[in-house]
mmCIF file of all heavy atoms, coordinates in Angstrom:
data_MODEL
# 
_entry.id   MODEL 
# 
loop_
_atom_site.group_PDB 
_atom_site.id 
_atom_site.type_symbol 
_atom_site.label_atom_id 
_atom_site.label_alt_id 
_atom_site.label_comp_id 
_atom_site.label_asym_id 
_atom_site.label_entity_id 
_atom_site.label_seq_id 
_atom_site.pdbx_PDB_ins_code 
_atom_site.Cartn_x 
_atom_site.Cartn_y 
_atom_site.Cartn_z 
_atom_site.occupancy 
_atom_site.B_iso_or_equiv 
_atom_site.pdbx_formal_charge 
_atom_site.auth_seq_id 
_atom_site.auth_comp_id 
_atom_site.auth_asym_id 
_atom_site.auth_atom_id 
_atom_site.pdbx_PDB_model_num 
ATOM 1   N N   . ASP A 1 1  ? -2.384 -8.680  22.013 1.00 0.00 ? 1  ASP A N   1 
ATOM 2   C CA  . ASP A 1 1  ? -2.513 -7.588  21.043 1.00 0.00 ? 1  ASP A CA  1 
ATOM 3   C C   . ASP A 1 1  ? -1.928 -8.040  19.704 1.00 0.00 ? 1  ASP A C   1 
ATOM 4   O O   . ASP A 1 1  ? -0.846 -7.604  19.301 1.00 0.00 ? 1  ASP A O   1 
ATOM 5   C CB  . ASP A 1 1  ? -1.792 -6.348  21.571 1.00 0.00 ? 1  ASP A CB  1 
ATOM 6   C CG  . ASP A 1 1  ? -2.032 -5.104  20.743 1.00 0.00 ? 1  ASP A CG  1 
ATOM 7   O OD1 . ASP A 1 1  ? -2.711 -5.196  19.689 1.00 0.00 ? 1  ASP A OD1 1 
ATOM 8   O OD2 . ASP A 1 1  ? -1.538 -4.030  21.137 1.00 0.00 ? 1  ASP A OD2 1 
ATOM 9   N N   . PRO A 1 2  ? -2.645 -8.928  19.000 1.00 0.00 ? 2  PRO A N   1 
ATOM 10  C CA  . PRO A 1 2  ? -2.090 -9.488  17.764 1.00 0.00 ? 2  PRO A CA  1 
ATOM 11  C C   . PRO A 1 2  ? -1.821 -8.445  16.678 1.00 0.00 ? 2  PRO A C   1 
ATOM 12  O O   . PRO A 1 2  ? -0.939 -8.645  15.848 1.00 0.00 ? 2  PRO A O   1 
ATOM 13  C CB  . PRO A 1 2  ? -3.133 -10.515 17.319 1.00 0.00 ? 2  PRO A CB  1 
ATOM 14  C CG  . PRO A 1 2  ? -4.336 -10.288 18.146 1.00 0.00 ? 2  PRO A CG  1 
ATOM 15  C CD  . PRO A 1 2  ? -3.934 -9.519  19.349 1.00 0.00 ? 2  PRO A CD  1 
ATOM 16  N N   . ASP A 1 3  ? -2.545 -7.331  16.688 1.00 0.00 ? 3  ASP A N   1 
ATOM 17  C CA  . ASP A 1 3  ? -2.273 -6.291  15.685 1.00 0.00 ? 3  ASP A CA  1 
ATOM 18  C C   . ASP A 1 3  ? -0.897 -5.673  15.901 1.00 0.00 ? 3  ASP A C   1 
ATOM 19  O O   . ASP A 1 3  ? -0.163 -5.419  14.947 1.00 0.00 ? 3  ASP A O   1 
ATOM 20  C CB  . ASP A 1 3  ? -3.355 -5.211  15.711 1.00 0.00 ? 3  ASP A CB  1 
ATOM 21  C CG  . ASP A 1 3  ? -4.707 -5.737  15.243 1.00 0.00 ? 3  ASP A CG  1 
ATOM 22  O OD1 . ASP A 1 3  ? -4.739 -6.734  14.493 1.00 0.00 ? 3  ASP A OD1 1 
ATOM 23  O OD2 . ASP A 1 3  ? -5.728 -5.150  15.639 1.00 0.00 ? 3  ASP A OD2 1 
ATOM 24  N N   . SER A 1 4  ? -0.532 -5.444  17.163 1.00 0.00 ? 4  SER A N   1 
ATOM 25  C CA  . SER A 1 4  ? 0.812  -4.942  17.463 1.00 0.00 ? 4  SER A CA  1 
ATOM 26  C C   . SER A 1 4  ? 1.862  -6.006  17.154 1.00 0.00 ? 4  SER A C   1 
ATOM 27  O O   . SER A 1 4  ? 2.945  -5.691  16.661 1.00 0.00 ? 4  SER A O   1 
ATOM 28  C CB  . SER A 1 4  ? 0.920  -4.505  18.926 1.00 0.00 ? 4  SER A CB  1 
ATOM 29  O OG  . SER A 1 4  ? 0.138  -3.353  19.141 1.00 0.00 ? 4  SER A OG  1 
ATOM 30  N N   . ALA A 1 5  ? 1.528  -7.262  17.425 1.00 0.00 ? 5  ALA A N   1 
ATOM 31  C CA  . ALA A 1 5  ? 2.454  -8.353  17.098 1.00 0.00 ? 5  ALA A CA  1 
ATOM 32  C C   . ALA A 1 5  ? 2.722  -8.366  15.594 1.00 0.00 ? 5  ALA A C   1 
ATOM 33  O O   . ALA A 1 5  ? 3.868  -8.532  15.169 1.00 0.00 ? 5  ALA A O   1 
ATOM 34  C CB  . ALA A 1 5  ? 1.875  -9.689  17.556 1.00 0.00 ? 5  ALA A CB  1 
ATOM 35  N N   . TYR A 1 6  ? 1.674  -8.164  14.798 1.00 0.00 ? 6  TYR A N   1 
ATOM 36  C CA  . TYR A 1 6  ? 1.839  -8.115  13.344 1.00 0.00 ? 6  TYR A CA  1 
ATOM 37  C C   . TYR A 1 6  ? 2.767  -6.966  12.961 1.00 0.00 ? 6  TYR A C   1 
ATOM 38  O O   . TYR A 1 6  ? 3.672  -7.135  12.138 1.00 0.00 ? 6  TYR A O   1 
ATOM 39  C CB  . TYR A 1 6  ? 0.483  -7.951  12.641 1.00 0.00 ? 6  TYR A CB  1 
ATOM 40  C CG  . TYR A 1 6  ? 0.632  -7.864  11.147 1.00 0.00 ? 6  TYR A CG  1 
ATOM 41  C CD1 . TYR A 1 6  ? 0.608  -9.009  10.370 1.00 0.00 ? 6  TYR A CD1 1 
ATOM 42  C CD2 . TYR A 1 6  ? 0.844  -6.637  10.508 1.00 0.00 ? 6  TYR A CD2 1 
ATOM 43  C CE1 . TYR A 1 6  ? 0.779  -8.940  8.997  1.00 0.00 ? 6  TYR A CE1 1 
ATOM 44  C CE2 . TYR A 1 6  ? 1.018  -6.561  9.136  1.00 0.00 ? 6  TYR A CE2 1 
ATOM 45  C CZ  . TYR A 1 6  ? 0.983  -7.712  8.391  1.00 0.00 ? 6  TYR A CZ  1 
ATOM 46  O OH  . TYR A 1 6  ? 1.169  -7.647  7.039  1.00 0.00 ? 6  TYR A OH  1 
ATOM 47  N N   . TYR A 1 7  ? 2.546  -5.802  13.554 1.00 0.00 ? 7  TYR A N   1 
ATOM 48  C CA  . TYR A 1 7  ? 3.377  -4.619  13.266 1.00 0.00 ? 7  TYR A CA  1 
ATOM 49  C C   . TYR A 1 7  ? 4.851  -4.904  13.556 1.00 0.00 ? 7  TYR A C   1 
ATOM 50  O O   . TYR A 1 7  ? 5.722  -4.641  12.716 1.00 0.00 ? 7  TYR A O   1 
ATOM 51  C CB  . TYR A 1 7  ? 2.884  -3.426  14.089 1.00 0.00 ? 7  TYR A CB  1 
ATOM 52  C CG  . TYR A 1 7  ? 3.827  -2.263  14.060 1.00 0.00 ? 7  TYR A CG  1 
ATOM 53  C CD1 . TYR A 1 7  ? 3.860  -1.396  12.973 1.00 0.00 ? 7  TYR A CD1 1 
ATOM 54  C CD2 . TYR A 1 7  ? 4.716  -2.037  15.117 1.00 0.00 ? 7  TYR A CD2 1 
ATOM 55  C CE1 . TYR A 1 7  ? 4.750  -0.328  12.937 1.00 0.00 ? 7  TYR A CE1 1 
ATOM 56  C CE2 . TYR A 1 7  ? 5.604  -0.973  15.084 1.00 0.00 ? 7  TYR A CE2 1 
ATOM 57  C CZ  . TYR A 1 7  ? 5.615  -0.125  13.998 1.00 0.00 ? 7  TYR A CZ  1 
ATOM 58  O OH  . TYR A 1 7  ? 6.500  0.927   13.961 1.00 0.00 ? 7  TYR A OH  1 
ATOM 59  N N   . PHE A 1 8  ? 5.136  -5.451  14.730 1.00 0.00 ? 8  PHE A N   1 
ATOM 60  C CA  . PHE A 1 8  ? 6.526  -5.725  15.096 1.00 0.00 ? 8  PHE A CA  1 
ATOM 61  C C   . PHE A 1 8  ? 7.117  -6.837  14.227 1.00 0.00 ? 8  PHE A C   1 
ATOM 62  O O   . PHE A 1 8  ? 8.306  -6.802  13.894 1.00 0.00 ? 8  PHE A O   1 
ATOM 63  C CB  . PHE A 1 8  ? 6.651  -6.055  16.580 1.00 0.00 ? 8  PHE A CB  1 
ATOM 64  C CG  . PHE A 1 8  ? 6.488  -4.853  17.466 1.00 0.00 ? 8  PHE A CG  1 
ATOM 65  C CD1 . PHE A 1 8  ? 5.461  -4.773  18.381 1.00 0.00 ? 8  PHE A CD1 1 
ATOM 66  C CD2 . PHE A 1 8  ? 7.363  -3.778  17.365 1.00 0.00 ? 8  PHE A CD2 1 
ATOM 67  C CE1 . PHE A 1 8  ? 5.307  -3.666  19.193 1.00 0.00 ? 8  PHE A CE1 1 
ATOM 68  C CE2 . PHE A 1 8  ? 7.226  -2.663  18.166 1.00 0.00 ? 8  PHE A CE2 1 
ATOM 69  C CZ  . PHE A 1 8  ? 6.185  -2.602  19.084 1.00 0.00 ? 8  PHE A CZ  1 
ATOM 70  N N   . ALA A 1 9  ? 6.295  -7.811  13.843 1.00 0.00 ? 9  ALA A N   1 
ATOM 71  C CA  . ALA A 1 9  ? 6.782  -8.854  12.938 1.00 0.00 ? 9  ALA A CA  1 
ATOM 72  C C   . ALA A 1 9  ? 7.105  -8.263  11.568 1.00 0.00 ? 9  ALA A C   1 
ATOM 73  O O   . ALA A 1 9  ? 8.030  -8.728  10.896 1.00 0.00 ? 9  ALA A O   1 
ATOM 74  C CB  . ALA A 1 9  ? 5.752  -9.973  12.819 1.00 0.00 ? 9  ALA A CB  1 
ATOM 75  N N   . GLN A 1 10 ? 6.370  -7.241  11.151 1.00 0.00 ? 10 GLN A N   1 
ATOM 76  C CA  . GLN A 1 10 ? 6.692  -6.580  9.881  1.00 0.00 ? 10 GLN A CA  1 
ATOM 77  C C   . GLN A 1 10 ? 8.032  -5.854  9.985  1.00 0.00 ? 10 GLN A C   1 
ATOM 78  O O   . GLN A 1 10 ? 8.834  -5.889  9.045  1.00 0.00 ? 10 GLN A O   1 
ATOM 79  C CB  . GLN A 1 10 ? 5.586  -5.600  9.471  1.00 0.00 ? 10 GLN A CB  1 
ATOM 80  C CG  . GLN A 1 10 ? 5.789  -5.016  8.083  1.00 0.00 ? 10 GLN A CG  1 
ATOM 81  C CD  . GLN A 1 10 ? 5.745  -6.077  6.995  1.00 0.00 ? 10 GLN A CD  1 
ATOM 82  O OE1 . GLN A 1 10 ? 4.838  -6.907  6.948  1.00 0.00 ? 10 GLN A OE1 1 
ATOM 83  N NE2 . GLN A 1 10 ? 6.721  -6.071  6.096  1.00 0.00 ? 10 GLN A NE2 1 
ATOM 84  N N   . LEU A 1 11 ? 8.282  -5.222  11.143 1.00 0.00 ? 11 LEU A N   1 
ATOM 85  C CA  . LEU A 1 11 ? 9.609  -4.610  11.363 1.00 0.00 ? 11 LEU A CA  1 
ATOM 86  C C   . LEU A 1 11 ? 10.695 -5.672  11.279 1.00 0.00 ? 11 LEU A C   1 
ATOM 87  O O   . LEU A 1 11 ? 11.747 -5.463  10.658 1.00 0.00 ? 11 LEU A O   1 
ATOM 88  C CB  . LEU A 1 11 ? 9.680  -3.930  12.735 1.00 0.00 ? 11 LEU A CB  1 
ATOM 89  C CG  . LEU A 1 11 ? 8.872  -2.672  12.967 1.00 0.00 ? 11 LEU A CG  1 
ATOM 90  C CD1 . LEU A 1 11 ? 9.058  -2.188  14.407 1.00 0.00 ? 11 LEU A CD1 1 
ATOM 91  C CD2 . LEU A 1 11 ? 9.276  -1.579  11.989 1.00 0.00 ? 11 LEU A CD2 1 
ATOM 92  N N   . GLN A 1 12 ? 10.423 -6.800  11.901 1.00 0.00 ? 12 GLN A N   1 
ATOM 93  C CA  . GLN A 1 12 ? 11.366 -7.918  11.891 1.00 0.00 ? 12 GLN A CA  1 
ATOM 94  C C   . GLN A 1 12 ? 11.597 -8.394  10.456 1.00 0.00 ? 12 GLN A C   1 
ATOM 95  O O   . GLN A 1 12 ? 12.742 -8.617  10.050 1.00 0.00 ? 12 GLN A O   1 
ATOM 96  C CB  . GLN A 1 12 ? 10.783 -9.042  12.760 1.00 0.00 ? 12 GLN A CB  1 
ATOM 97  C CG  . GLN A 1 12 ? 11.620 -10.264 12.888 1.00 0.00 ? 12 GLN A CG  1 
ATOM 98  C CD  . GLN A 1 12 ? 10.904 -11.340 13.693 1.00 0.00 ? 12 GLN A CD  1 
ATOM 99  O OE1 . GLN A 1 12 ? 9.684  -11.341 13.828 1.00 0.00 ? 12 GLN A OE1 1 
ATOM 100 N NE2 . GLN A 1 12 ? 11.665 -12.268 14.221 1.00 0.00 ? 12 GLN A NE2 1 
ATOM 101 N N   . PHE A 1 13 ? 10.532 -8.538  9.685  1.00 0.00 ? 13 PHE A N   1 
ATOM 102 C CA  . PHE A 1 13 ? 10.642 -8.997  8.300  1.00 0.00 ? 13 PHE A CA  1 
ATOM 103 C C   . PHE A 1 13 ? 11.461 -8.014  7.468  1.00 0.00 ? 13 PHE A C   1 
ATOM 104 O O   . PHE A 1 13 ? 12.380 -8.418  6.741  1.00 0.00 ? 13 PHE A O   1 
ATOM 105 C CB  . PHE A 1 13 ? 9.250  -9.173  7.672  1.00 0.00 ? 13 PHE A CB  1 
ATOM 106 C CG  . PHE A 1 13 ? 9.307  -9.590  6.235  1.00 0.00 ? 13 PHE A CG  1 
ATOM 107 C CD1 . PHE A 1 13 ? 9.446  -10.926 5.892  1.00 0.00 ? 13 PHE A CD1 1 
ATOM 108 C CD2 . PHE A 1 13 ? 9.245  -8.660  5.219  1.00 0.00 ? 13 PHE A CD2 1 
ATOM 109 C CE1 . PHE A 1 13 ? 9.515  -11.327 4.566  1.00 0.00 ? 13 PHE A CE1 1 
ATOM 110 C CE2 . PHE A 1 13 ? 9.320  -9.036  3.888  1.00 0.00 ? 13 PHE A CE2 1 
ATOM 111 C CZ  . PHE A 1 13 ? 9.455  -10.377 3.561  1.00 0.00 ? 13 PHE A CZ  1 
ATOM 112 N N   . ASP A 1 14 ? 11.123 -6.726  7.555  1.00 0.00 ? 14 ASP A N   1 
ATOM 113 C CA  . ASP A 1 14 ? 11.825 -5.716  6.762  1.00 0.00 ? 14 ASP A CA  1 
ATOM 114 C C   . ASP A 1 14 ? 13.313 -5.672  7.105  1.00 0.00 ? 14 ASP A C   1 
ATOM 115 O O   . ASP A 1 14 ? 14.167 -5.584  6.214  1.00 0.00 ? 14 ASP A O   1 
ATOM 116 C CB  . ASP A 1 14 ? 11.198 -4.336  6.977  1.00 0.00 ? 14 ASP A CB  1 
ATOM 117 C CG  . ASP A 1 14 ? 9.779  -4.238  6.428  1.00 0.00 ? 14 ASP A CG  1 
ATOM 118 O OD1 . ASP A 1 14 ? 9.387  -5.074  5.580  1.00 0.00 ? 14 ASP A OD1 1 
ATOM 119 O OD2 . ASP A 1 14 ? 9.044  -3.325  6.863  1.00 0.00 ? 14 ASP A OD2 1 
ATOM 120 N N   . PHE A 1 15 ? 13.625 -5.751  8.387  1.00 0.00 ? 15 PHE A N   1 
ATOM 121 C CA  . PHE A 1 15 ? 15.005 -5.743  8.855  1.00 0.00 ? 15 PHE A CA  1 
ATOM 122 C C   . PHE A 1 15 ? 15.757 -6.950  8.285  1.00 0.00 ? 15 PHE A C   1 
ATOM 123 O O   . PHE A 1 15 ? 16.868 -6.828  7.761  1.00 0.00 ? 15 PHE A O   1 
ATOM 124 C CB  . PHE A 1 15 ? 15.020 -5.758  10.390 1.00 0.00 ? 15 PHE A CB  1 
ATOM 125 C CG  . PHE A 1 15 ? 16.366 -5.637  11.016 1.00 0.00 ? 15 PHE A CG  1 
ATOM 126 C CD1 . PHE A 1 15 ? 16.951 -4.396  11.218 1.00 0.00 ? 15 PHE A CD1 1 
ATOM 127 C CD2 . PHE A 1 15 ? 17.046 -6.761  11.459 1.00 0.00 ? 15 PHE A CD2 1 
ATOM 128 C CE1 . PHE A 1 15 ? 18.201 -4.281  11.826 1.00 0.00 ? 15 PHE A CE1 1 
ATOM 129 C CE2 . PHE A 1 15 ? 18.291 -6.660  12.068 1.00 0.00 ? 15 PHE A CE2 1 
ATOM 130 C CZ  . PHE A 1 15 ? 18.864 -5.410  12.246 1.00 0.00 ? 15 PHE A CZ  1 
ATOM 131 N N   . ALA A 1 16 ? 15.129 -8.120  8.375  1.00 0.00 ? 16 ALA A N   1 
ATOM 132 C CA  . ALA A 1 16 ? 15.759 -9.349  7.876  1.00 0.00 ? 16 ALA A CA  1 
ATOM 133 C C   . ALA A 1 16 ? 15.922 -9.300  6.355  1.00 0.00 ? 16 ALA A C   1 
ATOM 134 O O   . ALA A 1 16 ? 16.956 -9.711  5.824  1.00 0.00 ? 16 ALA A O   1 
ATOM 135 C CB  . ALA A 1 16 ? 14.934 -10.564 8.286  1.00 0.00 ? 16 ALA A CB  1 
ATOM 136 N N   . LYS A 1 17 ? 14.922 -8.782  5.656  1.00 0.00 ? 17 LYS A N   1 
ATOM 137 C CA  . LYS A 1 17 ? 14.985 -8.713  4.196  1.00 0.00 ? 17 LYS A CA  1 
ATOM 138 C C   . LYS A 1 17 ? 16.119 -7.799  3.741  1.00 0.00 ? 17 LYS A C   1 
ATOM 139 O O   . LYS A 1 17 ? 16.858 -8.131  2.811  1.00 0.00 ? 17 LYS A O   1 
ATOM 140 C CB  . LYS A 1 17 ? 13.657 -8.221  3.630  1.00 0.00 ? 17 LYS A CB  1 
ATOM 141 C CG  . LYS A 1 17 ? 13.621 -8.246  2.118  1.00 0.00 ? 17 LYS A CG  1 
ATOM 142 C CD  . LYS A 1 17 ? 12.250 -7.866  1.592  1.00 0.00 ? 17 LYS A CD  1 
ATOM 143 C CE  . LYS A 1 17 ? 12.265 -7.947  0.077  1.00 0.00 ? 17 LYS A CE  1 
ATOM 144 N NZ  . LYS A 1 17 ? 10.974 -7.583  -0.487 1.00 0.00 ? 17 LYS A NZ  1 
ATOM 145 N N   . GLU A 1 18 ? 16.282 -6.645  4.409  1.00 0.00 ? 18 GLU A N   1 
ATOM 146 C CA  . GLU A 1 18 ? 17.365 -5.711  4.069  1.00 0.00 ? 18 GLU A CA  1 
ATOM 147 C C   . GLU A 1 18 ? 18.728 -6.364  4.203  1.00 0.00 ? 18 GLU A C   1 
ATOM 148 O O   . GLU A 1 18 ? 19.670 -5.993  3.514  1.00 0.00 ? 18 GLU A O   1 
ATOM 149 C CB  . GLU A 1 18 ? 17.317 -4.480  4.987  1.00 0.00 ? 18 GLU A CB  1 
ATOM 150 C CG  . GLU A 1 18 ? 16.175 -3.539  4.721  1.00 0.00 ? 18 GLU A CG  1 
ATOM 151 C CD  . GLU A 1 18 ? 16.070 -2.443  5.781  1.00 0.00 ? 18 GLU A CD  1 
ATOM 152 O OE1 . GLU A 1 18 ? 16.960 -2.337  6.661  1.00 0.00 ? 18 GLU A OE1 1 
ATOM 153 O OE2 . GLU A 1 18 ? 15.076 -1.698  5.741  1.00 0.00 ? 18 GLU A OE2 1 
ATOM 154 N N   . ARG A 1 19 ? 18.827 -7.352  5.090  1.00 0.00 ? 19 ARG A N   1 
ATOM 155 C CA  . ARG A 1 19 ? 20.107 -7.987  5.359  1.00 0.00 ? 19 ARG A CA  1 
ATOM 156 C C   . ARG A 1 19 ? 20.237 -9.371  4.709  1.00 0.00 ? 19 ARG A C   1 
ATOM 157 O O   . ARG A 1 19 ? 21.228 -10.061 4.910  1.00 0.00 ? 19 ARG A O   1 
ATOM 158 C CB  . ARG A 1 19 ? 20.301 -8.080  6.873  1.00 0.00 ? 19 ARG A CB  1 
ATOM 159 C CG  . ARG A 1 19 ? 20.603 -6.698  7.453  1.00 0.00 ? 19 ARG A CG  1 
ATOM 160 C CD  . ARG A 1 19 ? 20.147 -6.564  8.894  1.00 0.00 ? 19 ARG A CD  1 
ATOM 161 N NE  . ARG A 1 19 ? 20.500 -5.250  9.414  1.00 0.00 ? 19 ARG A NE  1 
ATOM 162 C CZ  . ARG A 1 19 ? 19.774 -4.143  9.192  1.00 0.00 ? 19 ARG A CZ  1 
ATOM 163 N NH1 . ARG A 1 19 ? 18.681 -4.181  8.452  1.00 0.00 ? 19 ARG A NH1 1 
ATOM 164 N NH2 . ARG A 1 19 ? 20.156 -2.981  9.718  1.00 0.00 ? 19 ARG A NH2 1 
ATOM 165 N N   . GLY A 1 20 ? 19.214 -9.771  3.975  1.00 0.00 ? 20 GLY A N   1 
ATOM 166 C CA  . GLY A 1 20 ? 19.260 -11.062 3.296  1.00 0.00 ? 20 GLY A CA  1 
ATOM 167 C C   . GLY A 1 20 ? 19.178 -12.256 4.228  1.00 0.00 ? 20 GLY A C   1 
ATOM 168 O O   . GLY A 1 20 ? 19.680 -13.330 3.909  1.00 0.00 ? 20 GLY A O   1 
ATOM 169 N N   . LEU A 1 21 ? 18.530 -12.087 5.364  1.00 0.00 ? 21 LEU A N   1 
ATOM 170 C CA  . LEU A 1 21 ? 18.422 -13.145 6.366  1.00 0.00 ? 21 LEU A CA  1 
ATOM 171 C C   . LEU A 1 21 ? 17.097 -13.893 6.183  1.00 0.00 ? 21 LEU A C   1 
ATOM 172 O O   . LEU A 1 21 ? 16.106 -13.644 6.866  1.00 0.00 ? 21 LEU A O   1 
ATOM 173 C CB  . LEU A 1 21 ? 18.535 -12.554 7.776  1.00 0.00 ? 21 LEU A CB  1 
ATOM 174 C CG  . LEU A 1 21 ? 19.829 -11.802 8.069  1.00 0.00 ? 21 LEU A CG  1 
ATOM 175 C CD1 . LEU A 1 21 ? 19.744 -11.050 9.387  1.00 0.00 ? 21 LEU A CD1 1 
ATOM 176 C CD2 . LEU A 1 21 ? 21.010 -12.776 8.068  1.00 0.00 ? 21 LEU A CD2 1 
ATOM 177 N N   . LYS A 1 22 ? 17.091 -14.822 5.240  1.00 0.00 ? 22 LYS A N   1 
ATOM 178 C CA  . LYS A 1 22 ? 15.851 -15.491 4.839  1.00 0.00 ? 22 LYS A CA  1 
ATOM 179 C C   . LYS A 1 22 ? 15.213 -16.286 5.969  1.00 0.00 ? 22 LYS A C   1 
ATOM 180 O O   . LYS A 1 22 ? 13.983 -16.335 6.080  1.00 0.00 ? 22 LYS A O   1 
ATOM 181 C CB  . LYS A 1 22 ? 16.108 -16.375 3.627  1.00 0.00 ? 22 LYS A CB  1 
ATOM 182 C CG  . LYS A 1 22 ? 16.377 -15.578 2.379  1.00 0.00 ? 22 LYS A CG  1 
ATOM 183 C CD  . LYS A 1 22 ? 16.516 -16.449 1.162  1.00 0.00 ? 22 LYS A CD  1 
ATOM 184 C CE  . LYS A 1 22 ? 16.724 -15.566 -0.060 1.00 0.00 ? 22 LYS A CE  1 
ATOM 185 N NZ  . LYS A 1 22 ? 16.689 -16.364 -1.286 1.00 0.00 ? 22 LYS A NZ  1 
ATOM 186 N N   . LYS A 1 23 ? 16.018 -16.917 6.791  1.00 0.00 ? 23 LYS A N   1 
ATOM 187 C CA  . LYS A 1 23 ? 15.463 -17.691 7.907  1.00 0.00 ? 23 LYS A CA  1 
ATOM 188 C C   . LYS A 1 23 ? 14.598 -16.798 8.790  1.00 0.00 ? 23 LYS A C   1 
ATOM 189 O O   . LYS A 1 23 ? 13.522 -17.210 9.252  1.00 0.00 ? 23 LYS A O   1 
ATOM 190 C CB  . LYS A 1 23 ? 16.593 -18.313 8.727  1.00 0.00 ? 23 LYS A CB  1 
ATOM 191 C CG  . LYS A 1 23 ? 16.120 -19.104 9.909  1.00 0.00 ? 23 LYS A CG  1 
ATOM 192 C CD  . LYS A 1 23 ? 17.281 -19.746 10.635 1.00 0.00 ? 23 LYS A CD  1 
ATOM 193 C CE  . LYS A 1 23 ? 16.781 -20.562 11.819 1.00 0.00 ? 23 LYS A CE  1 
ATOM 194 N NZ  . LYS A 1 23 ? 17.868 -21.301 12.464 1.00 0.00 ? 23 LYS A NZ  1 
ATOM 195 N N   . TYR A 1 24 ? 15.032 -15.577 9.006  1.00 0.00 ? 24 TYR A N   1 
ATOM 196 C CA  . TYR A 1 24 ? 14.311 -14.664 9.887  1.00 0.00 ? 24 TYR A CA  1 
ATOM 197 C C   . TYR A 1 24 ? 13.158 -13.970 9.170  1.00 0.00 ? 24 TYR A C   1 
ATOM 198 O O   . TYR A 1 24 ? 12.180 -13.563 9.797  1.00 0.00 ? 24 TYR A O   1 
ATOM 199 C CB  . TYR A 1 24 ? 15.292 -13.682 10.525 1.00 0.00 ? 24 TYR A CB  1 
ATOM 200 C CG  . TYR A 1 24 ? 16.314 -14.425 11.341 1.00 0.00 ? 24 TYR A CG  1 
ATOM 201 C CD1 . TYR A 1 24 ? 17.568 -14.737 10.815 1.00 0.00 ? 24 TYR A CD1 1 
ATOM 202 C CD2 . TYR A 1 24 ? 16.007 -14.889 12.612 1.00 0.00 ? 24 TYR A CD2 1 
ATOM 203 C CE1 . TYR A 1 24 ? 18.494 -15.459 11.548 1.00 0.00 ? 24 TYR A CE1 1 
ATOM 204 C CE2 . TYR A 1 24 ? 16.918 -15.607 13.355 1.00 0.00 ? 24 TYR A CE2 1 
ATOM 205 C CZ  . TYR A 1 24 ? 18.161 -15.894 12.826 1.00 0.00 ? 24 TYR A CZ  1 
ATOM 206 O OH  . TYR A 1 24 ? 19.058 -16.631 13.549 1.00 0.00 ? 24 TYR A OH  1 
ATOM 207 N N   . MET A 1 25 ? 13.250 -13.870 7.847  1.00 0.00 ? 25 MET A N   1 
ATOM 208 C CA  . MET A 1 25 ? 12.105 -13.410 7.066  1.00 0.00 ? 25 MET A CA  1 
ATOM 209 C C   . MET A 1 25 ? 10.962 -14.425 7.217  1.00 0.00 ? 25 MET A C   1 
ATOM 210 O O   . MET A 1 25 ? 9.803  -14.049 7.441  1.00 0.00 ? 25 MET A O   1 
ATOM 211 C CB  . MET A 1 25 ? 12.483 -13.265 5.591  1.00 0.00 ? 25 MET A CB  1 
ATOM 212 C CG  . MET A 1 25 ? 13.426 -12.121 5.291  1.00 0.00 ? 25 MET A CG  1 
ATOM 213 S SD  . MET A 1 25 ? 14.127 -12.204 3.612  1.00 0.00 ? 25 MET A SD  1 
ATOM 214 C CE  . MET A 1 25 ? 12.666 -12.252 2.593  1.00 0.00 ? 25 MET A CE  1 
# 
């Protein structure tokens, strides 16, 4: 389900960006 994978990766990106975690972005 790559569309759901994209959605969860966006959550991951937003979370990492809020915390300044560039490696995880």
